[in-house]
């Protein structure tokens, strides 16, 4: 903005700057301007993710739970094996071998991120996640932010590149749909590092909020705590709340409510029409019966009104639960 107009629903960048970030793009995992990350960390709990493997002596890259430990602890650790990693570009001329030390069994990968997710999924260790990598075919202008690229040939058929680090040449990059490249530890890490969401698209370890497009871990979905501003993590097909949960409970509520109203209304009408000629004892019994019938009638009406409201609101109740519970109509019921 270049005038004195007011900006609504934006986050202003550092003092003295005219730059801003729209609220829907705030806390999306990318630092768009100075101070955004600090504000996001202070305003909500951001998981500290383990996204890299550990280089251990001469053994290669180790998953954390494959590191040597005390003997008593090691008995509880998974059986790990050492194997050479073969990417979709393997063999790449001049690339150094990548040796992994990873569990020798398949497992759920909902709780792993970054490099660990990439290596486990692409070595067949994840039974619920496909490999997220694809051939890194270089085009003109691809991966402009990657420095010190050394171009080489992959599978003797197409051009790719490797990057030298600590005397070794590695091809540990993922090419986004917009031709930006990110490291393996930036894949499947609950952040849109590509800018077009292609680094998170094939990952099975997250849930994406509907409106904000914010990523949360799968374990936060349907955990009873709202993490998405639009409640989509708790209000969805898997765990959406309704006033009356379950088909059978809905049927019983309508059936019991309807029968309670009809039968007790009939009993009250009959009691009023047959009150003449009764003894005092009979009248006392009739009054007691009247109170019971009237109470059951109100209970039936309550069930019918609740069932009607449940039919009207359906799954929207999950998003409007607090408003409904504090409404005058709910208080009246």
Protein backbone atom coordinates (compact mmCIF):
# COMPACT_ATOMS: atom_id res chain seq x y z
CA UNK A 1 0.00 0.00 0.00
CA UNK A 2 1.24 3.47 -0.79
CA UNK A 3 -1.40 5.60 0.92
CA UNK A 4 -2.96 5.87 4.36
CA UNK A 5 -5.72 3.32 3.70
CA UNK A 6 -6.37 0.68 6.33
CA UNK A 7 -5.38 -2.96 5.76
CA UNK A 8 -7.66 -5.51 7.34
CA UNK A 9 -6.77 -9.16 8.04
CA UNK A 10 -3.08 -8.84 7.23
CA UNK A 11 0.14 -9.35 9.17
CA UNK A 12 2.50 -6.39 8.81
CA UNK A 13 6.18 -7.21 8.35
CA UNK A 14 9.05 -5.60 10.21
CA UNK A 15 8.68 -2.04 11.40
CA UNK A 16 9.35 0.48 8.66
CA UNK A 17 8.40 -1.94 5.87
CA UNK A 18 5.26 -1.73 3.75
CA UNK A 19 5.25 -5.47 3.10
CA UNK A 20 2.51 -7.62 4.59
CA UNK A 21 1.24 -11.22 4.65
CA UNK A 22 -2.44 -12.06 4.32
CA UNK A 23 -3.82 -13.96 7.30
CA UNK A 24 -4.70 -17.00 5.22
CA UNK A 25 -1.00 -17.30 4.28
CA UNK A 26 0.30 -16.73 7.81
CA UNK A 27 1.93 -19.70 9.57
CA UNK A 28 2.03 -21.77 6.39
CA UNK A 29 5.54 -23.00 7.15
CA UNK A 30 7.32 -20.41 4.98
CA UNK A 31 9.04 -17.26 6.24
CA UNK A 32 7.56 -14.59 3.96
CA UNK A 33 8.89 -11.61 5.94
CA UNK A 34 10.88 -10.93 9.09
CA UNK A 35 9.22 -11.96 12.34
CA UNK A 36 6.49 -14.17 10.91
CA UNK A 37 8.00 -17.40 12.19
CA UNK A 38 8.45 -16.07 15.73
CA UNK A 39 4.84 -14.91 15.86
CA UNK A 40 3.59 -18.28 14.66
CA UNK A 41 5.68 -20.15 17.24
CA UNK A 42 4.36 -17.93 20.01
CA UNK A 43 0.73 -18.16 18.91
CA UNK A 44 0.38 -21.89 18.49
CA UNK A 45 2.19 -25.11 19.23
CA UNK A 46 4.38 -26.05 16.26
CA UNK A 47 5.76 -29.60 16.35
CA UNK A 48 9.52 -29.91 16.42
CA UNK A 49 10.02 -32.55 13.74
CA UNK A 50 12.90 -34.97 13.37
CA UNK A 51 13.50 -34.61 9.62
CA UNK A 52 17.11 -35.73 9.07
CA UNK A 53 19.10 -38.91 9.48
CA UNK A 54 22.30 -39.05 11.51
CA UNK A 55 25.71 -39.60 9.90
CA UNK A 56 27.41 -42.16 12.18
CA UNK A 57 31.08 -42.95 11.68
CA UNK A 58 31.58 -45.05 8.58
CA UNK A 59 28.24 -46.82 8.73
CA UNK A 60 26.30 -44.26 6.69
CA UNK A 61 23.03 -42.49 7.49
CA UNK A 62 21.30 -43.94 10.54
CA UNK A 63 17.69 -43.66 11.60
CA UNK A 64 17.57 -42.42 15.19
CA UNK A 65 16.25 -45.69 16.61
CA UNK A 66 19.08 -47.60 14.89
CA UNK A 67 21.80 -45.79 16.86
CA UNK A 68 23.72 -48.03 19.26
CA UNK A 69 22.54 -47.77 22.87
CA UNK A 70 22.83 -49.53 26.18
CA UNK A 71 22.40 -53.27 25.88
CA UNK A 72 19.16 -53.32 27.89
CA UNK A 73 17.69 -50.56 25.70
CA UNK A 74 18.96 -52.13 22.49
CA UNK A 75 16.83 -55.22 23.15
CA UNK A 76 13.74 -53.08 22.58
CA UNK A 77 15.07 -51.43 19.43
CA UNK A 78 13.97 -52.66 15.98
CA UNK A 79 16.25 -54.91 14.00
CA UNK A 80 18.19 -52.65 11.63
CA UNK A 81 20.05 -53.45 8.41
CA UNK A 82 22.52 -51.60 6.23
CA UNK A 83 21.68 -51.20 2.55
CA UNK A 84 22.50 -48.94 -0.38
CA UNK A 85 19.79 -46.47 -1.31
CA UNK A 86 18.73 -46.39 -4.95
CA UNK A 87 16.78 -43.31 -6.00
CA UNK A 88 14.58 -43.14 -9.12
CA UNK A 89 17.66 -41.66 -10.89
CA UNK A 90 19.91 -44.61 -10.01
CA UNK A 91 22.49 -45.12 -11.43
CA UNK A 92 23.69 -41.52 -11.75
CA UNK A 93 27.17 -41.11 -13.19
CA UNK A 94 29.59 -39.80 -10.56
CA UNK A 95 27.15 -39.94 -7.62
CA UNK A 96 28.51 -41.26 -4.32
CA UNK A 97 26.76 -44.23 -2.77
CA UNK A 98 24.23 -43.51 -0.04
CA UNK A 99 24.28 -46.19 2.65
CA UNK A 100 21.31 -46.34 5.00
CA UNK A 101 20.93 -48.06 8.36
CA UNK A 102 17.19 -48.49 8.77
CA UNK A 103 14.71 -50.93 10.35
CA UNK A 104 14.42 -54.30 8.65
CA UNK A 105 10.63 -54.33 8.77
CA UNK A 106 7.64 -52.49 7.38
CA UNK A 107 5.81 -50.04 9.61
CA UNK A 108 3.37 -47.17 9.60
CA UNK A 109 5.03 -43.95 8.48
CA UNK A 110 2.41 -41.58 9.90
CA UNK A 111 4.86 -40.49 12.60
CA UNK A 112 8.00 -39.83 10.53
CA UNK A 113 8.91 -36.80 8.43
CA UNK A 114 11.54 -35.39 6.09
CA UNK A 115 14.53 -37.56 5.15
CA UNK A 116 13.36 -40.45 7.27
CA UNK A 117 9.98 -40.49 5.53
CA UNK A 118 11.65 -40.33 2.09
CA UNK A 119 14.12 -43.13 2.74
CA UNK A 120 11.66 -45.43 4.49
CA UNK A 121 8.92 -44.97 1.88
CA UNK A 122 11.32 -45.40 -1.05
CA UNK A 123 12.89 -48.57 0.37
CA UNK A 124 9.53 -50.28 0.91
CA UNK A 125 9.58 -49.90 4.71
CA UNK A 126 6.20 -48.08 4.83
CA UNK A 127 3.12 -50.23 4.33
CA UNK A 128 0.88 -47.16 4.06
CA UNK A 129 2.98 -44.76 1.98
CA UNK A 130 4.30 -44.85 -1.62
CA UNK A 131 7.70 -43.44 -2.56
CA UNK A 132 7.42 -39.66 -2.89
CA UNK A 133 10.44 -39.26 -5.18
CA UNK A 134 10.39 -38.91 -8.94
CA UNK A 135 13.20 -38.72 -11.52
CA UNK A 136 15.12 -35.43 -11.27
CA UNK A 137 15.20 -34.48 -14.93
CA UNK A 138 16.91 -31.14 -15.42
CA UNK A 139 15.36 -28.52 -17.66
CA UNK A 140 16.64 -25.07 -18.55
CA UNK A 141 16.20 -22.92 -15.46
CA UNK A 142 15.43 -25.83 -13.12
CA UNK A 143 16.41 -25.54 -9.47
CA UNK A 144 17.78 -21.98 -9.67
CA UNK A 145 18.41 -21.72 -5.92
CA UNK A 146 20.71 -24.76 -5.76
CA UNK A 147 24.34 -23.65 -5.83
CA UNK A 148 27.34 -25.61 -7.09
CA UNK A 149 25.37 -27.95 -9.33
CA UNK A 150 27.41 -30.46 -11.28
CA UNK A 151 25.45 -31.77 -14.25
CA UNK A 152 25.65 -35.46 -15.04
CA UNK A 153 23.77 -38.32 -16.69
CA UNK A 154 21.18 -40.54 -15.01
CA UNK A 155 20.27 -44.01 -16.28
CA UNK A 156 22.25 -43.17 -19.44
CA UNK A 157 19.15 -41.39 -20.73
CA UNK A 158 18.56 -37.94 -19.24
CA UNK A 159 20.41 -35.03 -17.68
CA UNK A 160 20.40 -34.49 -13.91
CA UNK A 161 22.82 -32.98 -11.38
CA UNK A 162 24.67 -33.74 -8.17
CA UNK A 163 25.99 -31.39 -5.49
CA UNK A 164 29.36 -31.79 -3.80
CA UNK A 165 29.42 -31.78 -0.01
CA UNK A 166 32.25 -32.99 2.20
CA UNK A 167 34.00 -34.61 -0.74
CA UNK A 168 30.93 -36.59 -1.86
CA UNK A 169 28.50 -36.00 -4.72
CA UNK A 170 24.85 -36.37 -3.79
CA UNK A 171 21.57 -36.18 -5.63
CA UNK A 172 19.28 -35.68 -2.62
CA UNK A 173 16.89 -33.13 -4.06
CA UNK A 174 13.23 -33.16 -5.04
CA UNK A 175 12.03 -31.14 -8.00
CA UNK A 176 8.72 -29.38 -7.37
CA UNK A 177 6.08 -28.93 -10.05
CA UNK A 178 7.16 -25.27 -10.34
CA UNK A 179 10.77 -26.46 -11.00
CA UNK A 180 12.05 -25.27 -7.62
CA UNK A 181 14.14 -27.89 -5.85
CA UNK A 182 14.09 -28.73 -2.13
CA UNK A 183 16.17 -31.07 0.01
CA UNK A 184 14.90 -34.45 1.21
CA UNK A 185 14.50 -33.13 4.75
CA UNK A 186 11.99 -30.58 3.39
CA UNK A 187 9.73 -33.28 1.99
CA UNK A 188 6.70 -34.44 3.97
CA UNK A 189 7.58 -32.11 6.87
CA UNK A 190 4.16 -30.42 7.30
CA UNK A 191 5.28 -27.30 5.40
CA UNK A 192 4.74 -26.14 1.82
CA UNK A 193 8.42 -25.60 1.00
CA UNK A 194 7.83 -25.73 -2.77
CA UNK A 195 5.16 -23.05 -2.74
CA UNK A 196 2.81 -25.19 -4.85
CA UNK A 197 2.29 -27.98 -2.28
CA UNK A 198 3.90 -30.59 -4.54
CA UNK A 199 6.42 -31.51 -1.80
CA UNK A 200 3.51 -32.59 0.46
CA UNK A 201 1.02 -33.90 -2.09
CA UNK A 202 1.94 -37.60 -2.00
CA UNK A 203 2.73 -37.75 1.70
CA UNK A 204 0.53 -39.88 3.95
CA UNK A 205 1.72 -38.49 7.29
CA UNK A 206 -0.39 -35.34 7.46
CA UNK A 207 -3.86 -33.85 7.38
CA UNK A 208 -4.47 -30.59 5.51
CA UNK A 209 -6.94 -28.07 6.91
CA UNK A 210 -9.66 -27.17 4.42
CA UNK A 211 -9.58 -23.38 4.45
CA UNK A 212 -6.13 -22.39 5.65
CA UNK A 213 -4.39 -25.31 3.84
CA UNK A 214 -2.24 -25.63 6.97
CA UNK A 215 -0.66 -29.07 7.52
CA UNK A 216 -0.91 -30.93 10.80
CA UNK A 217 0.35 -34.35 11.80
CA UNK A 218 -2.04 -37.26 11.27
CA UNK A 219 -2.04 -37.94 15.00
CA UNK A 220 -3.71 -34.54 15.57
CA UNK A 221 -6.68 -35.47 13.41
CA UNK A 222 -9.72 -36.51 15.46
CA UNK A 223 -7.82 -36.17 18.76
CA UNK A 224 -10.52 -34.05 20.42
CA UNK A 225 -8.48 -30.84 20.14
CA UNK A 226 -9.12 -28.30 17.38
CA UNK A 227 -5.91 -27.51 15.45
CA UNK A 228 -7.45 -26.14 12.23
CA UNK A 229 -9.13 -22.73 12.42
CA UNK A 230 -12.05 -24.12 10.38
CA UNK A 231 -12.38 -27.18 12.69
CA UNK A 232 -11.86 -29.47 9.70
CA UNK A 233 -9.48 -31.71 11.68
CA UNK A 234 -12.27 -32.54 14.13
CA UNK A 235 -15.32 -32.03 11.86
CA UNK A 236 -14.91 -34.47 9.00
CA UNK A 237 -16.23 -37.79 7.75
CA UNK A 238 -14.03 -39.70 10.19
CA UNK A 239 -14.97 -37.98 13.43
CA UNK A 240 -17.60 -35.31 12.82
CA UNK A 241 -19.91 -34.71 15.78
CA UNK A 242 -23.68 -34.68 15.63
CA UNK A 243 -26.20 -33.95 18.37
CA UNK A 244 -27.26 -37.61 18.27
CA UNK A 245 -24.50 -39.97 17.16
CA UNK A 246 -25.30 -43.20 15.35
CA UNK A 247 -28.19 -44.30 13.17
CA UNK A 248 -29.75 -46.54 15.83
CA UNK A 249 -29.75 -43.78 18.44
CA UNK A 250 -31.45 -41.45 15.96
CA UNK A 251 -34.12 -44.06 15.20
CA UNK A 252 -34.69 -44.78 18.89
CA UNK A 253 -34.93 -41.07 19.71
CA UNK A 254 -37.64 -40.55 17.07
CA UNK A 255 -39.47 -43.76 18.02
CA UNK A 256 -39.41 -43.28 21.80
CA UNK A 257 -40.19 -39.57 21.51
CA UNK A 258 -43.14 -40.17 19.17
CA UNK A 259 -44.60 -42.99 21.25
CA UNK A 260 -44.14 -41.03 24.48
CA UNK A 261 -46.05 -38.05 23.08
CA UNK A 262 -48.89 -40.09 21.53
CA UNK A 263 -49.47 -42.54 24.39
CA UNK A 264 -49.17 -40.02 27.21
CA UNK A 265 -51.33 -37.47 25.41
CA UNK A 266 -54.01 -40.16 24.95
CA UNK A 267 -53.74 -41.12 28.62
CA UNK A 268 -54.14 -37.49 29.73
CA UNK A 269 -57.19 -36.96 27.52
CA UNK A 270 -58.81 -40.13 28.79
CA UNK A 271 -58.08 -39.12 32.39
CA UNK A 272 -59.80 -35.76 31.95
CA UNK A 273 -62.91 -37.34 30.41
CA UNK A 274 -63.36 -40.02 33.09
CA UNK A 275 -62.78 -37.98 36.23
CA UNK A 276 -66.47 -37.73 37.25
CA UNK A 277 -67.87 -40.12 39.89
CA UNK A 278 -64.46 -41.08 41.28
CA UNK A 279 -63.76 -41.54 44.99
CA UNK A 280 -61.17 -39.46 46.78
CA UNK A 281 -58.64 -42.29 46.65
CA UNK A 282 -59.27 -42.76 42.94
CA UNK A 283 -58.87 -39.02 42.35
CA UNK A 284 -55.54 -39.03 44.23
CA UNK A 285 -54.32 -41.89 42.07
CA UNK A 286 -55.53 -40.04 38.99
CA UNK A 287 -53.58 -36.90 39.99
CA UNK A 288 -50.43 -38.96 40.49
CA UNK A 289 -50.97 -40.68 37.14
CA UNK A 290 -51.52 -37.25 35.56
CA UNK A 291 -48.16 -35.98 36.85
CA UNK A 292 -46.36 -39.08 35.56
CA UNK A 293 -48.05 -38.87 32.15
CA UNK A 294 -47.33 -35.15 31.88
CA UNK A 295 -43.66 -35.67 32.75
CA UNK A 296 -43.32 -38.47 30.18
CA UNK A 297 -45.07 -36.26 27.62
CA UNK A 298 -42.51 -33.50 28.16
CA UNK A 299 -39.69 -36.04 27.85
CA UNK A 300 -41.14 -37.23 24.54
CA UNK A 301 -41.43 -33.64 23.30
CA UNK A 302 -37.81 -33.03 24.30
CA UNK A 303 -36.64 -36.09 22.32
CA UNK A 304 -38.65 -34.98 19.27
CA UNK A 305 -37.28 -31.43 19.42
CA UNK A 306 -33.69 -32.67 19.83
CA UNK A 307 -34.17 -35.14 16.95
CA UNK A 308 -35.58 -32.37 14.77
CA UNK A 309 -32.62 -30.11 15.53
CA UNK A 310 -30.23 -32.99 14.84
CA UNK A 311 -31.85 -33.53 11.43
CA UNK A 312 -31.58 -29.83 10.59
CA UNK A 313 -27.96 -29.33 11.70
CA UNK A 314 -26.52 -32.73 10.74
CA UNK A 315 -22.69 -32.52 10.66
CA UNK A 316 -22.75 -28.71 10.94
CA UNK A 317 -23.27 -29.22 14.68
CA UNK A 318 -19.57 -30.06 15.00
CA UNK A 319 -18.53 -26.58 13.83
CA UNK A 320 -21.25 -24.71 15.71
CA UNK A 321 -21.30 -26.78 18.91
CA UNK A 322 -20.29 -23.92 21.21
CA UNK A 323 -22.83 -21.52 19.66
CA UNK A 324 -25.59 -24.12 19.88
CA UNK A 325 -24.88 -25.06 23.50
CA UNK A 326 -24.91 -21.40 24.51
CA UNK A 327 -28.02 -20.48 22.49
CA UNK A 328 -31.36 -19.53 24.08
CA UNK A 329 -33.11 -22.42 22.31
CA UNK A 330 -30.75 -24.98 23.81
CA UNK A 331 -31.11 -23.34 27.24
CA UNK A 332 -34.90 -23.54 26.86
CA UNK A 333 -34.71 -27.26 26.08
